[in-house]
Amino acid sequence: MKKKLIALVLALSVFATLLSACGIGTVKDPNGTESNIDYSNATQLSIATWDGGLGSKWLEDAARRFEILNQNTSFEDGKTGCHITIAASRSFDGSSMAFTPLTHDIYFVEAVDYYAMTNNDQMADLTGIMTKPLTAYGEDRTILDKIPEALQDFLCIDGKYYAIPFYESFYSFAYDLDLWNSKSFYFAKDGSFTNASGDLSEGPDGKAGTSDDGMPATYADFAVLVDHIKDEGVTPFICAANATDYIANFLYEYYANYEGAEQMALNFTFDGTATDLIEVSESGKVTELPAEQIEWDNGYELQRQAGRYYSLQFAHDILTPKDNYKMSDTHINAQKSYVRGGIVNDQPIAMILEGSWWENEAKACFKELNDGKYDRHNYAVMPKPHATEDKIGQTPCWLGASSSYGFIANNTAHMDLALAFMEFLHTDEELSHFTAEVNMTRPLDYPVTKEDSEKLTTYCKSILEIKETGDVIYPYTNREEVLDNPLQFASFAWAWTTSVDGYEYRNPWLYFSEVSDGSAEDYFSSQEVYFETRWDGF
């Protein structure tokens, strides 16, 4: 506790220097317009945020806009205007906040246990600002209207809402478009390889003239591509030893992509008909099982979904062979190696296995390139190949998971100001600014303005495209059985927990890396048994 309090004090002391705490300050809004704001009699507001992949500039910019907009507004008797300070630190870890006092007015953090914090009465009721139309900002919709239904259901407790989803993350391969072009890593229609100007294959969507043209359409294509990449002296992909959970989440995405939105949703509703359950023999023979009605009592049967098995095969055949990847010690160093590869050094890397925040997190790497007079490359989210040819053309499915939220501390002394700022942050205009600043999306429905669109990187544009053309599943449920058993259902635990030869595993990549004769068949066949024997206990 003492260490966290010290870190908090240090963070506040750093960020308090951004603006004068009293007197008249000259403030520039993000567009460079100067305004003089009298802070001598302003209401103070303190915001804490996790200083990770998103940073804090988006929040600082929004705070300046809000201060200028409300410099003549009174948020408490005898005071005018507001002064917002931002404390950004990696000490603001949501996983421990349910058991520690909240010392800031507003939080934007990840790894939040929403139900634990609401049970402890730590979050303020946001229902009022979430359910009224944003007419003051020229909008007809409410904040709640912008939130996906699955998240609405998860956040609703006795008709009230206590947090707003923060950032949205997808795990994927990011690929280097410039390297792809110069090395001719695109598939041509005749099965050979070509550059971006060649006669490209139709890609995973099975349509010509779309952005996935030339990309591998199936896992088999991907394996061919990996061999071609190595033949050209390029490392296929890089990942990080301190973030192997990224790999498990990545595989979860591939599992969802096979199942599609309807079948994948069964894993969170436990209500519907499972249509692609299978059995797999030790030799790898796949036998399709009859469709089965799923409810909670037999929910463990979902461990037989075919998407699990094919994703395990992908992990075994593609992700595990050591000559297919480079393992960096940390995710930051992995990003640095990837960004510099083939530009500053002669070790090009075709892809990085990461979360969709990686490009913003790697800003320092790109700055180093610019300082050295190097031009950075363009990147995009790699469209997911399909396990089998019959899946080509199926709508891609993505998992929008992060457990990150924005909320107001229930003990704030400045509730009116905190509510007003939270409402402001969730207008379409501010949500658009967020995406332009961090090149990521939030799990809300909002347009990105033309002006902000011009600021987006190629990578962010590809994120927007996968949301527009694919189905996004939000893996949240308020089922009591799931909430009471977080070790078995949180994150990717439900997807990958198994017990093989008496040892429990939660990450297929680690299993295949550690067990030399480990097979996708053994891993998959043990999953249903693992959960069935424990189901009554859940």
Protein backbone atom coordinates (compact mmCIF):
# COMPACT_ATOMS: atom_id res chain seq x y z
CA MET A 1 0.00 0.00 0.00
CA LYS A 2 2.75 2.48 0.91
CA LYS A 3 4.51 1.92 -2.39
CA LYS A 4 1.32 2.62 -4.31
CA LEU A 5 0.64 5.79 -2.32
CA ILE A 6 4.17 7.03 -2.98
CA ALA A 7 3.77 6.34 -6.70
CA LEU A 8 0.48 8.19 -6.69
CA VAL A 9 2.00 11.25 -5.01
CA LEU A 10 4.89 11.28 -7.48
CA ALA A 11 2.53 11.01 -10.43
CA LEU A 12 0.46 13.90 -9.17
CA SER A 13 3.50 16.08 -8.61
CA VAL A 14 4.64 15.52 -12.18
CA PHE A 15 1.32 16.23 -13.85
CA ALA A 16 0.44 19.13 -11.62
CA THR A 17 3.18 21.08 -13.38
CA LEU A 18 1.22 20.99 -16.63
CA LEU A 19 -0.80 23.98 -15.51
CA SER A 20 -0.57 26.46 -12.71
CA ALA A 21 -2.61 25.27 -9.76
CA CYS A 22 -3.72 28.80 -8.98
CA GLY A 23 -3.83 32.21 -10.61
CA ILE A 24 -4.36 32.92 -14.28
CA GLY A 25 -2.92 30.42 -16.72
CA THR A 26 -2.42 30.71 -20.48
CA VAL A 27 -3.72 27.50 -21.96
CA LYS A 28 -3.48 26.24 -25.51
CA ASP A 29 -6.18 23.91 -26.72
CA PRO A 30 -5.08 20.98 -28.95
CA ASN A 31 -5.54 23.21 -32.02
CA GLY A 32 -3.04 25.74 -30.67
CA THR A 33 -5.62 28.40 -29.73
CA GLU A 34 -4.57 30.28 -26.60
CA SER A 35 -7.01 31.10 -23.80
CA ASN A 36 -6.45 32.76 -20.47
CA ILE A 37 -8.19 30.83 -17.70
CA ASP A 38 -8.47 32.07 -14.13
CA TYR A 39 -7.71 29.04 -11.95
CA SER A 40 -7.60 31.00 -8.69
CA ASN A 41 -11.19 30.20 -7.86
CA ALA A 42 -11.80 27.09 -9.98
CA THR A 43 -13.17 23.73 -8.91
CA GLN A 44 -10.42 21.12 -8.95
CA LEU A 45 -10.79 17.68 -10.52
CA SER A 46 -8.23 14.88 -10.45
CA ILE A 47 -8.23 12.05 -13.00
CA ALA A 48 -6.14 8.89 -12.79
CA THR A 49 -5.35 6.74 -15.80
CA TRP A 50 -3.25 3.69 -16.57
CA ASP A 51 -0.12 4.88 -18.36
CA GLY A 52 0.16 2.00 -20.79
CA GLY A 53 -0.52 1.59 -24.48
CA LEU A 54 -2.85 4.58 -24.71
CA GLY A 55 -0.86 7.13 -22.75
CA SER A 56 -2.61 10.22 -21.38
CA LYS A 57 -2.39 12.89 -24.09
CA TRP A 58 -5.91 12.13 -25.31
CA LEU A 59 -7.20 12.87 -21.81
CA GLU A 60 -5.05 15.97 -21.35
CA ASP A 61 -6.30 17.39 -24.66
CA ALA A 62 -9.93 16.68 -23.74
CA ALA A 63 -9.43 18.31 -20.34
CA ARG A 64 -8.10 21.49 -21.95
CA ARG A 65 -11.07 21.64 -24.31
CA PHE A 66 -13.48 21.17 -21.43
CA GLU A 67 -11.76 23.83 -19.28
CA ILE A 68 -11.97 26.38 -22.08
CA LEU A 69 -15.60 25.50 -22.81
CA ASN A 70 -16.56 25.85 -19.14
CA GLN A 71 -14.32 28.68 -17.95
CA ASN A 72 -17.39 30.69 -16.91
CA THR A 73 -19.41 27.77 -15.51
CA SER A 74 -19.88 27.32 -11.78
CA PHE A 75 -19.66 23.73 -10.55
CA GLU A 76 -19.91 24.63 -6.87
CA ASP A 77 -21.03 27.63 -4.86
CA GLY A 78 -18.62 30.55 -4.91
CA LYS A 79 -16.35 29.10 -7.62
CA THR A 80 -16.06 29.56 -11.38
CA GLY A 81 -14.54 27.29 -13.98
CA CYS A 82 -12.55 24.11 -13.41
CA HIS A 83 -8.98 22.90 -13.30
CA ILE A 84 -8.42 19.27 -14.33
CA THR A 85 -5.17 17.49 -13.52
CA ILE A 86 -4.23 14.15 -15.04
CA ALA A 87 -2.23 11.56 -13.12
CA ALA A 88 -0.91 8.89 -15.48
CA SER A 89 0.94 5.97 -13.93
CA ARG A 90 1.34 2.22 -14.26
CA SER A 91 0.51 2.03 -10.56
CA PHE A 92 -3.15 2.55 -11.46
CA ASP A 93 -3.92 -1.12 -11.89
CA GLY A 94 -7.63 -1.90 -11.86
CA SER A 95 -7.06 -5.46 -10.64
CA SER A 96 -6.33 -4.19 -7.12
CA MET A 97 -8.68 -1.21 -6.95
CA ALA A 98 -11.57 -3.19 -5.47
CA PHE A 99 -9.53 -3.49 -2.28
CA THR A 100 -7.92 -0.05 -2.00
CA PRO A 101 -9.28 3.43 -1.29
CA LEU A 102 -9.92 5.62 -4.34
CA THR A 103 -8.08 8.93 -4.04
CA HIS A 104 -8.94 10.50 -7.41
CA ASP A 105 -12.26 11.76 -8.76
CA ILE A 106 -12.31 9.88 -12.08
CA TYR A 107 -10.49 6.77 -13.32
CA PHE A 108 -9.77 5.35 -16.76
CA VAL A 109 -8.07 2.02 -16.12
CA GLU A 110 -7.92 -1.58 -17.29
CA ALA A 111 -8.30 -4.98 -15.58
CA VAL A 112 -11.28 -3.72 -13.58
CA ASP A 113 -13.42 -6.14 -11.56
CA TYR A 114 -16.67 -4.29 -12.19
CA TYR A 115 -18.88 -6.38 -9.93
CA ALA A 116 -16.41 -6.38 -7.03
CA MET A 117 -16.10 -2.59 -7.18
CA THR A 118 -19.85 -2.03 -7.36
CA ASN A 119 -20.39 -4.48 -4.51
CA ASN A 120 -17.92 -2.41 -2.49
CA ASP A 121 -19.84 0.78 -3.38
CA GLN A 122 -16.74 2.36 -4.96
CA MET A 123 -18.27 3.51 -8.24
CA ALA A 124 -20.70 6.41 -8.56
CA ASP A 125 -24.05 5.89 -10.28
CA LEU A 126 -23.74 7.14 -13.88
CA THR A 127 -27.27 6.22 -14.95
CA GLY A 128 -28.36 9.87 -15.16
CA ILE A 129 -25.75 10.96 -17.70
CA MET A 130 -25.84 7.65 -19.60
CA THR A 131 -29.57 7.61 -20.25
CA LYS A 132 -30.31 11.23 -21.19
CA PRO A 133 -29.86 12.47 -24.77
CA LEU A 134 -26.72 14.54 -25.39
CA THR A 135 -28.79 17.45 -26.68
CA ALA A 136 -26.46 20.01 -25.10
CA TYR A 137 -23.86 18.83 -27.63
CA GLY A 138 -26.22 18.67 -30.59
CA GLU A 139 -26.84 14.92 -30.41
CA ASP A 140 -30.08 12.97 -30.17
CA ARG A 141 -28.58 9.76 -28.80
CA THR A 142 -27.65 8.87 -25.24
CA ILE A 143 -24.30 7.45 -24.12
CA LEU A 144 -26.11 4.17 -23.47
CA ASP A 145 -27.33 4.12 -27.07
CA LYS A 146 -23.71 4.00 -28.18
CA ILE A 147 -22.81 0.97 -26.04
CA PRO A 148 -23.26 -2.55 -27.53
CA GLU A 149 -26.15 -4.52 -26.08
CA ALA A 150 -23.94 -7.24 -24.57
CA LEU A 151 -21.99 -4.62 -22.64
CA GLN A 152 -25.19 -2.85 -21.61
CA ASP A 153 -26.46 -6.09 -20.12
CA PHE A 154 -23.20 -6.71 -18.32
CA LEU A 155 -23.04 -3.20 -16.85
CA CYS A 156 -26.69 -3.04 -15.76
CA ILE A 157 -27.14 -3.78 -12.04
CA ASP A 158 -30.70 -3.38 -10.79
CA GLY A 159 -31.39 -0.94 -13.61
CA LYS A 160 -28.33 1.22 -12.91
CA TYR A 161 -24.96 1.74 -14.61
CA TYR A 162 -21.71 2.55 -12.84
CA ALA A 163 -19.04 2.60 -15.56
CA ILE A 164 -18.53 3.24 -19.27
CA PRO A 165 -16.40 0.91 -21.41
CA PHE A 166 -12.98 2.45 -22.03
CA TYR A 167 -10.81 1.14 -24.86
CA GLU A 168 -11.35 -1.72 -27.26
CA SER A 169 -8.63 -4.21 -28.11
CA PHE A 170 -8.24 -6.94 -30.69
CA TYR A 171 -5.33 -9.39 -30.80
CA SER A 172 -3.91 -10.07 -34.22
CA PHE A 173 -0.89 -10.16 -36.46
CA ALA A 174 0.01 -6.67 -37.60
CA TYR A 175 1.84 -6.84 -40.91
CA ASP A 176 4.22 -4.48 -42.65
CA LEU A 177 2.63 -3.33 -45.92
CA ASP A 178 5.84 -1.79 -47.27
CA LEU A 179 7.83 -4.94 -46.57
CA TRP A 180 5.04 -7.06 -48.08
CA ASN A 181 5.27 -5.02 -51.26
CA SER A 182 9.06 -4.89 -51.57
CA LYS A 183 9.47 -8.62 -50.84
CA SER A 184 6.42 -9.77 -52.86
CA PHE A 185 4.62 -11.50 -50.02
CA TYR A 186 1.18 -11.17 -51.61
CA PHE A 187 -0.55 -14.19 -53.13
CA ALA A 188 -1.26 -13.94 -56.84
CA LYS A 189 -4.32 -15.57 -58.39
CA ASP A 190 -2.17 -18.28 -59.93
CA GLY A 191 -0.80 -19.28 -56.50
CA SER A 192 2.58 -17.61 -56.91
CA PHE A 193 3.74 -14.54 -55.00
CA THR A 194 3.68 -10.96 -56.20
CA ASN A 195 3.79 -7.35 -55.01
CA ALA A 196 0.85 -5.06 -54.24
CA SER A 197 0.46 -4.16 -57.92
CA GLY A 198 0.18 -7.76 -59.09
CA ASP A 199 -2.86 -9.81 -60.01
CA LEU A 200 -3.89 -10.57 -56.42
CA SER A 201 -5.87 -13.51 -55.09
CA GLU A 202 -9.25 -12.87 -53.52
CA GLY A 203 -8.19 -13.39 -49.88
CA PRO A 204 -10.25 -14.65 -46.90
CA ASP A 205 -13.43 -12.80 -47.87
CA GLY A 206 -13.54 -14.54 -51.27
CA LYS A 207 -14.15 -11.24 -53.07
CA ALA A 208 -11.94 -9.43 -55.56
CA GLY A 209 -11.19 -5.74 -55.15
CA THR A 210 -11.22 -5.63 -51.34
CA SER A 211 -8.48 -4.82 -48.84
CA ASP A 212 -7.68 -8.47 -48.06
CA ASP A 213 -6.73 -9.30 -51.65
CA GLY A 214 -3.44 -11.18 -51.73
CA MET A 215 -3.71 -12.29 -48.09
CA PRO A 216 -3.69 -15.99 -47.16
CA ALA A 217 -7.26 -17.30 -47.29
CA THR A 218 -6.69 -20.48 -45.26
CA TYR A 219 -4.35 -21.85 -42.61
CA ALA A 220 -2.74 -23.93 -45.36
CA ASP A 221 -2.08 -20.74 -47.34
CA PHE A 222 -0.61 -19.15 -44.26
CA ALA A 223 1.81 -22.05 -43.81
CA VAL A 224 2.96 -21.61 -47.42
CA LEU A 225 3.38 -17.89 -46.82
CA VAL A 226 5.49 -18.46 -43.72
CA ASP A 227 7.85 -20.73 -45.66
CA HIS A 228 8.11 -18.11 -48.42
CA ILE A 229 8.86 -15.38 -45.88
CA LYS A 230 11.70 -17.46 -44.42
CA ASP A 231 13.05 -18.24 -47.89
CA GLU A 232 13.37 -14.48 -48.44
CA GLY A 233 15.52 -14.11 -45.30
CA VAL A 234 12.77 -12.49 -43.24
CA THR A 235 11.58 -13.55 -39.77
CA PRO A 236 7.85 -14.39 -40.00
CA PHE A 237 6.78 -12.84 -36.70
CA ILE A 238 7.89 -11.56 -33.32
CA CYS A 239 6.27 -11.78 -29.90
CA ALA A 240 7.33 -11.18 -26.29
CA ALA A 241 8.30 -13.52 -23.46
CA ASN A 242 6.68 -11.24 -20.87
CA ALA A 243 3.39 -11.26 -22.77
CA THR A 244 2.67 -14.86 -23.74
CA ASP A 245 -0.94 -14.24 -22.70
CA TYR A 246 -1.13 -12.20 -25.93
CA ILE A 247 -0.67 -15.47 -27.81
CA ALA A 248 -3.50 -17.18 -25.92
CA ASN A 249 -5.77 -14.20 -26.63
CA PHE A 250 -4.68 -14.23 -30.27
CA LEU A 251 -5.71 -17.89 -30.56
CA TYR A 252 -9.01 -17.04 -28.88
CA GLU A 253 -9.58 -14.63 -31.78
CA TYR A 254 -8.94 -17.40 -34.31
CA TYR A 255 -11.31 -19.69 -32.43
CA ALA A 256 -14.03 -16.99 -32.57
CA ASN A 257 -13.39 -16.43 -36.26
CA TYR A 258 -14.10 -20.08 -37.04
CA GLU A 259 -17.27 -20.19 -34.98
CA GLY A 260 -18.78 -16.94 -36.16
CA ALA A 261 -20.88 -14.57 -34.06
CA GLU A 262 -23.89 -16.83 -33.39
CA GLN A 263 -22.00 -19.94 -32.34
CA MET A 264 -19.36 -18.00 -30.40
CA ALA A 265 -22.03 -16.19 -28.39
CA LEU A 266 -23.06 -19.52 -26.84
CA ASN A 267 -19.90 -19.36 -24.75
CA PHE A 268 -21.30 -16.35 -22.92
CA THR A 269 -25.06 -16.92 -22.99
CA PHE A 270 -25.06 -20.73 -22.53
CA ASP A 271 -28.36 -20.67 -24.35
CA GLY A 272 -28.84 -21.95 -27.90
CA THR A 273 -28.04 -24.75 -30.33
CA ALA A 274 -24.42 -25.79 -30.88
CA THR A 275 -24.06 -26.93 -34.47
CA ASP A 276 -20.38 -27.75 -34.93
CA LEU A 277 -19.35 -29.99 -32.04
CA ILE A 278 -16.72 -32.60 -32.89
CA GLU A 279 -14.66 -35.46 -31.52
CA VAL A 280 -11.02 -35.94 -32.50
CA SER A 281 -9.15 -39.24 -32.34
CA GLU A 282 -5.51 -39.56 -31.30
CA SER A 283 -4.61 -39.84 -34.97
CA GLY A 284 -6.38 -36.57 -35.74
CA LYS A 285 -9.53 -37.96 -37.34
CA VAL A 286 -12.37 -35.47 -36.89
CA THR A 287 -15.91 -36.76 -36.35
CA GLU A 288 -18.81 -34.35 -36.46
CA LEU A 289 -21.35 -34.70 -33.64
CA PRO A 290 -25.10 -34.02 -33.79
CA ALA A 291 -26.33 -30.53 -32.98
CA GLU A 292 -27.00 -30.08 -29.28
CA GLN A 293 -29.19 -27.70 -27.31
CA ILE A 294 -26.97 -25.84 -24.86
CA GLU A 295 -28.06 -24.56 -21.46
CA TRP A 296 -26.07 -24.07 -18.31
CA ASP A 297 -26.34 -27.68 -17.12
CA ASN A 298 -24.46 -29.00 -20.17
CA GLY A 299 -22.43 -25.89 -20.98
CA TYR A 300 -19.19 -27.88 -20.81
CA GLU A 301 -20.14 -29.49 -24.15
CA LEU A 302 -19.05 -26.25 -25.83
CA GLN A 303 -15.50 -27.41 -25.20
CA ARG A 304 -16.08 -29.65 -28.23
CA GLN A 305 -16.57 -26.73 -30.65
CA ALA A 306 -14.54 -27.27 -33.79
CA GLY A 307 -13.04 -23.78 -33.70
CA ARG A 308 -11.04 -24.73 -30.62
CA TYR A 309 -9.43 -27.70 -32.31
CA TYR A 310 -8.47 -25.92 -35.51
CA SER A 311 -7.01 -23.01 -33.55
CA LEU A 312 -4.96 -25.49 -31.52
CA GLN A 313 -3.69 -26.97 -34.77
CA PHE A 314 -2.69 -23.49 -35.93
CA ALA A 315 -0.81 -22.95 -32.65
CA HIS A 316 0.98 -26.27 -32.98
CA ASP A 317 1.85 -26.03 -36.67
CA ILE A 318 2.49 -22.29 -37.14
CA LEU A 319 3.10 -20.50 -33.84
CA THR A 320 5.29 -23.06 -32.09
CA PRO A 321 8.09 -24.01 -34.57
CA LYS A 322 11.06 -21.97 -33.38
CA ASP A 323 12.24 -20.93 -36.82
CA ASN A 324 8.90 -19.20 -37.42
CA TYR A 325 9.34 -16.46 -34.84
CA LYS A 326 11.66 -14.31 -32.80
CA MET A 327 11.02 -14.08 -29.06
CA SER A 328 11.89 -10.77 -27.44
CA ASP A 329 12.21 -10.35 -23.68
CA THR A 330 9.55 -7.62 -23.38
CA HIS A 331 6.69 -6.34 -25.52
CA ILE A 332 8.40 -2.93 -25.75
CA ASN A 333 11.57 -4.48 -27.13
CA ALA A 334 9.51 -6.63 -29.49
CA GLN A 335 7.89 -3.48 -30.85
CA LYS A 336 11.28 -1.83 -31.20
CA SER A 337 12.76 -4.81 -33.07
CA TYR A 338 9.76 -4.93 -35.37
CA VAL A 339 9.72 -1.22 -36.17
CA ARG A 340 13.48 -1.03 -36.76
CA GLY A 341 13.73 -4.33 -38.64
CA GLY A 342 14.79 -3.81 -42.25
CA ILE A 343 14.97 -0.04 -41.75
CA VAL A 344 17.74 0.61 -39.23
CA ASN A 345 19.13 -2.93 -39.34
CA ASP A 346 19.14 -5.89 -41.72
CA GLN A 347 16.75 -8.07 -39.71
CA PRO A 348 13.30 -7.47 -41.21
CA ILE A 349 10.31 -9.01 -39.46
CA ALA A 350 7.10 -9.57 -41.39
CA MET A 351 4.55 -9.46 -38.54
CA ILE A 352 4.15 -8.73 -34.85
CA LEU A 353 1.69 -10.61 -32.64
CA GLU A 354 0.18 -7.89 -30.50
CA GLY A 355 -2.90 -6.08 -29.21
CA SER A 356 -4.38 -3.26 -31.23
CA TRP A 357 -2.78 -0.66 -28.94
CA TRP A 358 0.76 -1.59 -30.01
CA GLU A 359 1.28 1.18 -32.56
CA ASN A 360 0.42 3.93 -30.08
CA GLU A 361 2.55 2.23 -27.44
CA ALA A 362 5.48 2.20 -29.89
CA LYS A 363 5.46 5.97 -30.44
CA ALA A 364 8.94 6.30 -28.96
CA CYS A 365 10.24 3.76 -31.51
CA PHE A 366 8.79 5.74 -34.40
CA LYS A 367 10.22 8.95 -32.99
CA GLU A 368 13.68 7.38 -32.94
CA LEU A 369 13.29 6.57 -36.63
CA ASN A 370 12.27 10.14 -37.41
CA ASP A 371 15.16 11.54 -35.38
CA GLY A 372 17.49 9.31 -37.39
CA LYS A 373 15.95 10.59 -40.66
CA TYR A 374 14.38 7.21 -41.43
CA ASP A 375 10.89 6.82 -42.86
CA ARG A 376 8.58 4.58 -40.88
CA HIS A 377 6.67 1.80 -42.59
CA ASN A 378 2.90 1.38 -42.85
CA TYR A 379 1.13 -1.38 -40.94
CA ALA A 380 -2.28 -3.00 -40.93
CA VAL A 381 -4.24 -5.67 -39.08
CA MET A 382 -3.81 -8.93 -40.97
CA PRO A 383 -7.17 -10.40 -42.01
CA LYS A 384 -7.59 -13.75 -40.29
CA PRO A 385 -7.25 -16.77 -42.58
CA HIS A 386 -9.85 -19.51 -42.28
CA ALA A 387 -9.18 -23.00 -40.98
CA THR A 388 -10.79 -24.67 -43.99
CA GLU A 389 -11.68 -23.69 -47.54
CA ASP A 390 -15.42 -24.00 -46.89
CA LYS A 391 -15.17 -21.08 -44.45
CA ILE A 392 -13.84 -18.67 -47.09
CA GLY A 393 -16.28 -15.80 -47.41
CA GLN A 394 -17.70 -16.18 -43.90
CA THR A 395 -18.05 -12.87 -42.07
CA PRO A 396 -14.95 -12.40 -39.89
CA CYS A 397 -15.52 -12.43 -36.15
CA TRP A 398 -13.48 -10.51 -33.58
CA LEU A 399 -13.44 -10.45 -29.79
CA GLY A 400 -13.67 -6.98 -28.25
CA ALA A 401 -12.26 -7.60 -24.80
CA SER A 402 -10.30 -5.45 -22.36
CA SER A 403 -12.14 -5.13 -19.01
CA SER A 404 -11.22 -1.45 -19.08
CA TYR A 405 -13.63 1.21 -17.88
CA GLY A 406 -14.05 4.85 -17.08
CA PHE A 407 -15.83 5.56 -13.81
CA ILE A 408 -16.26 8.16 -11.09
CA ALA A 409 -15.19 7.43 -7.52
CA ASN A 410 -18.26 7.35 -5.31
CA ASN A 411 -16.41 9.39 -2.68
CA THR A 412 -15.61 12.33 -4.96
CA ALA A 413 -16.26 15.76 -3.48
CA HIS A 414 -16.88 17.19 -6.96
CA MET A 415 -19.66 15.00 -8.33
CA ASP A 416 -21.33 17.65 -10.52
CA LEU A 417 -18.07 18.47 -12.29
CA ALA A 418 -17.07 14.82 -12.61
CA LEU A 419 -20.42 13.92 -14.17
CA ALA A 420 -20.25 16.89 -16.56
CA PHE A 421 -16.76 15.92 -17.73
CA MET A 422 -17.69 12.26 -18.20
CA GLU A 423 -20.68 13.32 -20.29
CA PHE A 424 -18.45 15.59 -22.39
CA LEU A 425 -15.91 12.81 -23.00
CA HIS A 426 -18.57 10.58 -24.52
CA THR A 427 -19.91 12.93 -27.13
CA ASP A 428 -19.33 11.85 -30.72
CA GLU A 429 -16.81 14.64 -31.22
CA GLU A 430 -14.66 13.66 -28.24
CA LEU A 431 -14.84 9.96 -29.07
CA SER A 432 -13.64 10.84 -32.57
CA HIS A 433 -10.76 12.87 -31.10
CA PHE A 434 -9.81 9.87 -28.93
CA THR A 435 -9.45 7.63 -31.98
CA ALA A 436 -7.43 10.26 -33.85
CA GLU A 437 -5.03 10.67 -30.91
CA VAL A 438 -4.39 7.04 -29.92
CA ASN A 439 -5.24 5.31 -33.23
CA MET A 440 -7.55 2.93 -31.43
CA THR A 441 -11.27 2.57 -31.01
CA ARG A 442 -13.62 2.52 -28.07
CA PRO A 443 -16.36 -0.14 -27.86
CA LEU A 444 -19.03 2.42 -28.63
CA ASP A 445 -20.86 3.40 -31.80
CA TYR A 446 -19.59 6.78 -33.01
CA PRO A 447 -18.50 8.36 -36.29
CA VAL A 448 -14.93 9.55 -36.88
CA THR A 449 -15.00 13.03 -38.37
CA LYS A 450 -13.39 13.76 -41.73
CA GLU A 451 -10.81 15.98 -40.02
CA ASP A 452 -9.88 13.26 -37.54
CA SER A 453 -9.86 10.58 -40.26
CA GLU A 454 -7.06 12.45 -42.01
CA LYS A 455 -4.89 12.01 -38.89
CA LEU A 456 -5.31 8.24 -38.68
CA THR A 457 -2.53 5.81 -39.46
CA THR A 458 -3.01 3.01 -41.96
CA TYR A 459 -3.12 0.61 -39.02
CA CYS A 460 -5.99 2.44 -37.31
CA LYS A 461 -7.91 2.61 -40.58
CA SER A 462 -7.63 -1.18 -40.79
CA ILE A 463 -9.06 -1.45 -37.25
CA LEU A 464 -12.03 0.67 -38.30
CA GLU A 465 -12.48 -1.55 -41.33
CA ILE A 466 -12.61 -4.79 -39.37
CA LYS A 467 -15.31 -3.25 -37.18
CA GLU A 468 -17.28 -2.15 -40.23
CA THR A 469 -16.99 -5.38 -42.20
CA GLY A 470 -16.86 -7.97 -39.41
CA ASP A 471 -18.84 -9.05 -36.37
CA VAL A 472 -17.50 -8.02 -32.96
CA ILE A 473 -18.36 -10.25 -30.01
CA TYR A 474 -18.04 -8.76 -26.54
CA PRO A 475 -17.20 -11.72 -24.26
CA TYR A 476 -19.06 -10.51 -21.20
CA THR A 477 -21.81 -12.15 -19.20
CA ASN A 478 -23.55 -11.44 -15.93
CA ARG A 479 -24.30 -15.11 -15.25
CA GLU A 480 -23.74 -15.68 -11.56
CA GLU A 481 -21.98 -19.01 -12.15
CA VAL A 482 -19.40 -17.32 -14.37
CA LEU A 483 -18.87 -14.34 -12.07
CA ASP A 484 -18.37 -16.66 -9.10
CA ASN A 485 -15.65 -18.65 -10.89
CA PRO A 486 -13.25 -16.08 -12.42
CA LEU A 487 -10.28 -18.44 -12.54
CA GLN A 488 -12.19 -20.74 -14.89
CA PHE A 489 -13.96 -18.15 -17.03
CA ALA A 490 -11.98 -14.90 -16.99
CA SER A 491 -10.18 -13.81 -20.16
CA PHE A 492 -9.05 -16.83 -22.20
CA ALA A 493 -9.31 -19.36 -19.33
CA TRP A 494 -12.63 -20.77 -20.61
CA ALA A 495 -11.17 -21.15 -24.09
CA TRP A 496 -7.93 -22.91 -23.23
CA THR A 497 -7.87 -24.44 -19.75
CA THR A 498 -7.20 -28.19 -19.82
CA SER A 499 -5.41 -30.95 -17.97
CA VAL A 500 -3.06 -33.26 -19.87
CA ASP A 501 -1.21 -36.09 -18.13
CA GLY A 502 -2.05 -34.60 -14.74
CA TYR A 503 -0.76 -31.11 -15.54
CA GLU A 504 -3.05 -28.11 -15.94
CA TYR A 505 -2.50 -25.69 -18.83
CA ARG A 506 -4.17 -22.41 -19.77
CA ASN A 507 -2.07 -21.40 -22.76
CA PRO A 508 -1.75 -23.75 -25.75
CA TRP A 509 1.42 -22.08 -26.99
CA LEU A 510 3.18 -22.70 -23.66
CA TYR A 511 2.00 -26.31 -23.71
CA PHE A 512 3.31 -26.98 -27.21
CA SER A 513 6.55 -25.18 -26.39
CA GLU A 514 7.15 -27.15 -23.21
CA VAL A 515 5.84 -30.61 -24.19
CA SER A 516 7.86 -31.82 -27.15
CA ASP A 517 5.36 -34.50 -28.16
CA GLY A 518 2.27 -32.48 -27.27
CA SER A 519 -0.50 -32.60 -29.83
CA ALA A 520 -3.57 -30.53 -30.64
CA GLU A 521 -5.62 -33.76 -30.36
CA ASP A 522 -4.50 -34.43 -26.76
CA TYR A 523 -5.06 -30.84 -25.70
CA PHE A 524 -8.51 -30.60 -27.29
CA SER A 525 -9.81 -33.97 -26.12
CA SER A 526 -8.83 -33.20 -22.52
CA GLN A 527 -10.70 -29.88 -22.39
CA GLU A 528 -14.26 -31.24 -22.29
CA VAL A 529 -13.26 -33.83 -19.68
CA TYR A 530 -11.61 -31.15 -17.54
CA PHE A 531 -14.72 -28.98 -17.42
CA GLU A 532 -17.31 -31.77 -17.16
CA THR A 533 -15.69 -33.17 -14.02
CA ARG A 534 -15.77 -29.73 -12.38
CA TRP A 535 -19.08 -28.42 -13.71
CA ASP A 536 -21.28 -29.27 -10.74
CA GLY A 537 -18.86 -27.35 -8.53
CA PHE A 538 -19.39 -24.25 -10.62
